[in-house]
């Protein structure tokens, strides 16, 4: 089972929020575009964008 702390760590790595992340920093618009492209979503980025964290 993935704990909330583990999920937060994984998301920080993927989002590029950690200095030692192997991924580049992603904006909210970048993340919406990623999930729309790879997970067949049809979300629209609007500011302010809600976050679960």
PDB file of N, CA and C in Angstrom:
ATOM      1  N   UNK A   1       0.842  -1.186   0.000  1.00  0.00           N
ATOM      2  CA  UNK A   1       0.000   0.000   0.000  1.00  0.00           C
ATOM      3  C   UNK A   1       0.886   1.248   0.000  1.00  0.00           C
ATOM      4  N   UNK A   2       0.476   2.243  -0.767  1.00  0.00           N
ATOM      5  CA  UNK A   2       1.214   3.504  -0.824  1.00  0.00           C
ATOM      6  C   UNK A   2       0.610   4.451   0.203  1.00  0.00           C
ATOM      7  N   UNK A   3       1.449   4.934   1.097  1.00  0.00           N
ATOM      8  CA  UNK A   3       0.986   5.873   2.114  1.00  0.00           C
ATOM      9  C   UNK A   3       0.881   7.277   1.517  1.00  0.00           C
ATOM     10  N   UNK A   4       0.211   8.156   2.216  1.00  0.00           N
ATOM     11  CA  UNK A   4       0.077   9.543   1.760  1.00  0.00           C
ATOM     12  C   UNK A   4       1.450  10.206   1.656  1.00  0.00           C
ATOM     13  N   UNK A   5       2.345   9.907   2.602  1.00  0.00           N
ATOM     14  CA  UNK A   5       3.693  10.470   2.579  1.00  0.00           C
ATOM     15  C   UNK A   5       4.469   9.979   1.355  1.00  0.00           C
ATOM     16  N   UNK A   6       4.350   8.693   1.049  1.00  0.00           N
ATOM     17  CA  UNK A   6       5.035   8.141  -0.127  1.00  0.00           C
ATOM     18  C   UNK A   6       4.509   8.781  -1.408  1.00  0.00           C
ATOM     19  N   UNK A   7       3.191   8.947  -1.492  1.00  0.00           N
ATOM     20  CA  UNK A   7       2.583   9.561  -2.667  1.00  0.00           C
ATOM     21  C   UNK A   7       3.060  10.999  -2.835  1.00  0.00           C
ATOM     22  N   UNK A   8       3.182  11.718  -1.742  1.00  0.00           N
ATOM     23  CA  UNK A   8       3.673  13.100  -1.802  1.00  0.00           C
ATOM     24  C   UNK A   8       5.124  13.137  -2.285  1.00  0.00           C
ATOM     25  N   UNK A   9       5.950  12.226  -1.796  1.00  0.00           N
ATOM     26  CA  UNK A   9       7.345  12.162  -2.229  1.00  0.00           C
ATOM     27  C   UNK A   9       7.446  11.835  -3.722  1.00  0.00           C
ATOM     28  N   UNK A  10       6.654  10.877  -4.171  1.00  0.00           N
ATOM     29  CA  UNK A  10       6.656  10.500  -5.590  1.00  0.00           C
ATOM     30  C   UNK A  10       6.213  11.685  -6.443  1.00  0.00           C
ATOM     31  N   UNK A  11       5.161  12.376  -6.024  1.00  0.00           N
ATOM     32  CA  UNK A  11       4.668  13.508  -6.810  1.00  0.00           C
ATOM     33  C   UNK A  11       5.693  14.647  -6.851  1.00  0.00           C
ATOM     34  N   UNK A  12       6.402  14.888  -5.746  1.00  0.00           N
ATOM     35  CA  UNK A  12       7.436  15.933  -5.739  1.00  0.00           C
ATOM     36  C   UNK A  12       8.576  15.591  -6.691  1.00  0.00           C
ATOM     37  N   UNK A  13       8.930  14.317  -6.776  1.00  0.00           N
ATOM     38  CA  UNK A  13       9.978  13.895  -7.709  1.00  0.00           C
ATOM     39  C   UNK A  13       9.500  14.086  -9.142  1.00  0.00           C
ATOM     40  N   UNK A  14       8.302  13.565  -9.445  1.00  0.00           N
ATOM     41  CA  UNK A  14       7.754  13.658 -10.806  1.00  0.00           C
ATOM     42  C   UNK A  14       7.552  15.106 -11.232  1.00  0.00           C
ATOM     43  N   UNK A  15       7.068  15.928 -10.322  1.00  0.00           N
ATOM     44  CA  UNK A  15       6.806  17.336 -10.641  1.00  0.00           C
ATOM     45  C   UNK A  15       8.078  18.156 -10.791  1.00  0.00           C
ATOM     46  N   UNK A  16       9.209  17.593 -10.352  1.00  0.00           N
ATOM     47  CA  UNK A  16      10.465  18.332 -10.415  1.00  0.00           C
ATOM     48  C   UNK A  16      10.619  19.311  -9.274  1.00  0.00           C
ATOM     49  N   UNK A  17       9.883  19.076  -8.181  1.00  0.00           N
ATOM     50  CA  UNK A  17       9.931  19.982  -7.039  1.00  0.00           C
ATOM     51  C   UNK A  17      11.158  19.781  -6.153  1.00  0.00           C
ATOM     52  N   UNK A  18      11.835  18.659  -6.280  1.00  0.00           N
ATOM     53  CA  UNK A  18      13.046  18.393  -5.492  1.00  0.00           C
ATOM     54  C   UNK A  18      14.273  18.797  -6.292  1.00  0.00           C
ATOM     55  N   UNK A  19      15.251  19.355  -5.623  1.00  0.00           N
ATOM     56  CA  UNK A  19      16.479  19.771  -6.309  1.00  0.00           C
ATOM     57  C   UNK A  19      17.176  18.608  -6.993  1.00  0.00           C
ATOM     58  N   UNK A  20      17.111  17.409  -6.382  1.00  0.00           N
ATOM     59  CA  UNK A  20      17.815  16.248  -6.927  1.00  0.00           C
ATOM     60  C   UNK A  20      16.923  15.393  -7.824  1.00  0.00           C
ATOM     61  N   UNK A  21      15.792  15.940  -8.250  1.00  0.00           N
ATOM     62  CA  UNK A  21      14.861  15.200  -9.099  1.00  0.00           C
ATOM     63  C   UNK A  21      15.472  14.958 -10.470  1.00  0.00           C
ATOM     64  N   UNK A  22      15.173  13.808 -11.038  1.00  0.00           N
ATOM     65  CA  UNK A  22      15.638  13.514 -12.389  1.00  0.00           C
ATOM     66  C   UNK A  22      14.719  14.139 -13.434  1.00  0.00           C
ATOM     67  N   UNK A  23      13.600  14.713 -12.978  1.00  0.00           N
ATOM     68  CA  UNK A  23      12.632  15.332 -13.880  1.00  0.00           C
ATOM     69  C   UNK A  23      12.702  16.846 -13.765  1.00  0.00           C
ATOM     70  N   UNK A  24      12.421  17.516 -14.870  1.00  0.00           N
ATOM     71  CA  UNK A  24      12.364  18.970 -14.876  1.00  0.00           C
ATOM     72  C   UNK A  24      11.092  19.437 -14.168  1.00  0.00           C
ATOM     73  N   UNK A  25      11.129  20.659 -13.653  1.00  0.00           N
ATOM     74  CA  UNK A  25       9.972  21.253 -12.997  1.00  0.00           C
ATOM     75  C   UNK A  25       8.819  21.350 -13.986  1.00  0.00           C
ATOM     76  N   UNK A  26       7.619  21.024 -13.529  1.00  0.00           N
ATOM     77  CA  UNK A  26       6.435  21.103 -14.365  1.00  0.00           C
ATOM     78  C   UNK A  26       5.448  22.101 -13.760  1.00  0.00           C
ATOM     79  N   UNK A  27       4.928  22.955 -14.606  1.00  0.00           N
ATOM     80  CA  UNK A  27       3.903  23.900 -14.186  1.00  0.00           C
ATOM     81  C   UNK A  27       2.567  23.166 -14.115  1.00  0.00           C
ATOM     82  N   UNK A  28       1.573  23.829 -13.557  1.00  0.00           N
ATOM     83  CA  UNK A  28       0.235  23.250 -13.527  1.00  0.00           C
ATOM     84  C   UNK A  28      -0.264  22.943 -14.926  1.00  0.00           C
ATOM     85  N   UNK A  29      -0.027  23.844 -15.856  1.00  0.00           N
ATOM     86  CA  UNK A  29      -0.452  23.628 -17.242  1.00  0.00           C
ATOM     87  C   UNK A  29       0.253  22.417 -17.847  1.00  0.00           C
ATOM     88  N   UNK A  30       1.546  22.231 -17.534  1.00  0.00           N
ATOM     89  CA  UNK A  30       2.295  21.060 -18.012  1.00  0.00           C
ATOM     90  C   UNK A  30       1.675  19.767 -17.493  1.00  0.00           C
ATOM     91  N   UNK A  31       1.299  19.766 -16.219  1.00  0.00           N
ATOM     92  CA  UNK A  31       0.723  18.562 -15.616  1.00  0.00           C
ATOM     93  C   UNK A  31      -0.637  18.228 -16.216  1.00  0.00           C
ATOM     94  N   UNK A  32      -1.470  19.238 -16.431  1.00  0.00           N
ATOM     95  CA  UNK A  32      -2.772  19.000 -17.054  1.00  0.00           C
ATOM     96  C   UNK A  32      -2.575  18.449 -18.462  1.00  0.00           C
ATOM     97  N   UNK A  33      -1.652  19.026 -19.215  1.00  0.00           N
ATOM     98  CA  UNK A  33      -1.371  18.543 -20.570  1.00  0.00           C
ATOM     99  C   UNK A  33      -0.906  17.083 -20.542  1.00  0.00           C
ATOM    100  N   UNK A  34      -0.029  16.714 -19.592  1.00  0.00           N
ATOM    101  CA  UNK A  34       0.467  15.350 -19.468  1.00  0.00           C
ATOM    102  C   UNK A  34      -0.677  14.368 -19.239  1.00  0.00           C
ATOM    103  N   UNK A  35      -1.532  14.669 -18.255  1.00  0.00           N
ATOM    104  CA  UNK A  35      -2.623  13.748 -17.942  1.00  0.00           C
ATOM    105  C   UNK A  35      -3.668  13.706 -19.057  1.00  0.00           C
ATOM    106  N   UNK A  36      -3.884  14.816 -19.737  1.00  0.00           N
ATOM    107  CA  UNK A  36      -4.794  14.809 -20.887  1.00  0.00           C
ATOM    108  C   UNK A  36      -4.249  13.920 -21.997  1.00  0.00           C
ATOM    109  N   UNK A  37      -2.955  13.999 -22.240  1.00  0.00           N
ATOM    110  CA  UNK A  37      -2.333  13.245 -23.326  1.00  0.00           C
ATOM    111  C   UNK A  37      -2.239  11.755 -23.019  1.00  0.00           C
ATOM    112  N   UNK A  38      -1.775  11.395 -21.825  1.00  0.00           N
ATOM    113  CA  UNK A  38      -1.468   9.998 -21.534  1.00  0.00           C
ATOM    114  C   UNK A  38      -2.570   9.242 -20.796  1.00  0.00           C
ATOM    115  N   UNK A  39      -3.541   9.953 -20.243  1.00  0.00           N
ATOM    116  CA  UNK A  39      -4.603   9.283 -19.503  1.00  0.00           C
ATOM    117  C   UNK A  39      -5.992   9.666 -20.028  1.00  0.00           C
ATOM    118  N   UNK A  40      -6.015  10.165 -21.269  1.00  0.00           N
ATOM    119  CA  UNK A  40      -7.261  10.454 -21.971  1.00  0.00           C
ATOM    120  C   UNK A  40      -8.194  11.361 -21.162  1.00  0.00           C
ATOM    121  N   UNK A  41      -7.610  12.332 -20.498  1.00  0.00           N
ATOM    122  CA  UNK A  41      -8.401  13.304 -19.733  1.00  0.00           C
ATOM    123  C   UNK A  41      -8.743  14.471 -20.653  1.00  0.00           C
ATOM    124  N   UNK A  42      -9.673  15.274 -20.251  1.00  0.00           N
ATOM    125  CA  UNK A  42     -10.045  16.463 -21.013  1.00  0.00           C
ATOM    126  C   UNK A  42     -10.136  17.665 -20.076  1.00  0.00           C
ATOM    127  N   UNK A  43      -9.196  17.728 -19.147  1.00  0.00           N
ATOM    128  CA  UNK A  43      -9.177  18.801 -18.166  1.00  0.00           C
ATOM    129  C   UNK A  43      -8.646  20.090 -18.784  1.00  0.00           C
ATOM    130  N   UNK A  44      -8.996  21.197 -18.179  1.00  0.00           N
ATOM    131  CA  UNK A  44      -8.535  22.513 -18.625  1.00  0.00           C
ATOM    132  C   UNK A  44      -7.844  23.172 -17.444  1.00  0.00           C
ATOM    133  N   UNK A  45      -6.670  23.727 -17.700  1.00  0.00           N
ATOM    134  CA  UNK A  45      -5.947  24.425 -16.635  1.00  0.00           C
ATOM    135  C   UNK A  45      -6.500  25.829 -16.499  1.00  0.00           C
ATOM    136  N   UNK A  46      -6.928  26.168 -15.295  1.00  0.00           N
ATOM    137  CA  UNK A  46      -7.381  27.521 -14.983  1.00  0.00           C
ATOM    138  C   UNK A  46      -6.720  27.945 -13.689  1.00  0.00           C
ATOM    139  N   UNK A  47      -6.371  29.199 -13.594  1.00  0.00           N
ATOM    140  CA  UNK A  47      -5.708  29.720 -12.422  1.00  0.00           C
ATOM    141  C   UNK A  47      -6.758  30.333 -11.500  1.00  0.00           C
ATOM    142  N   UNK A  48      -6.817  30.037 -10.229  1.00  0.00           N
ATOM    143  CA  UNK A  48      -5.927  29.130  -9.497  1.00  0.00           C
ATOM    144  C   UNK A  48      -6.344  27.681  -9.683  1.00  0.00           C
ATOM    145  N   UNK A  49      -5.350  26.816  -9.711  1.00  0.00           N
ATOM    146  CA  UNK A  49      -5.568  25.395  -9.913  1.00  0.00           C
ATOM    147  C   UNK A  49      -5.588  24.710  -8.561  1.00  0.00           C
ATOM    148  N   UNK A  50      -6.605  23.912  -8.293  1.00  0.00           N
ATOM    149  CA  UNK A  50      -6.706  23.250  -6.994  1.00  0.00           C
ATOM    150  C   UNK A  50      -5.695  22.122  -6.879  1.00  0.00           C
ATOM    151  N   UNK A  51      -5.200  21.910  -5.674  1.00  0.00           N
ATOM    152  CA  UNK A  51      -4.243  20.861  -5.380  1.00  0.00           C
ATOM    153  C   UNK A  51      -4.767  20.017  -4.236  1.00  0.00           C
ATOM    154  N   UNK A  52      -4.407  18.722  -4.236  1.00  0.00           N
ATOM    155  CA  UNK A  52      -4.846  17.852  -3.135  1.00  0.00           C
ATOM    156  C   UNK A  52      -3.913  17.941  -1.956  1.00  0.00           C
ATOM    157  N   UNK A  53      -2.749  18.583  -2.121  1.00  0.00           N
ATOM    158  CA  UNK A  53      -1.775  18.669  -1.028  1.00  0.00           C
ATOM    159  C   UNK A  53      -1.765  20.038  -0.422  1.00  0.00           C
TER     160      UNK A  53
END
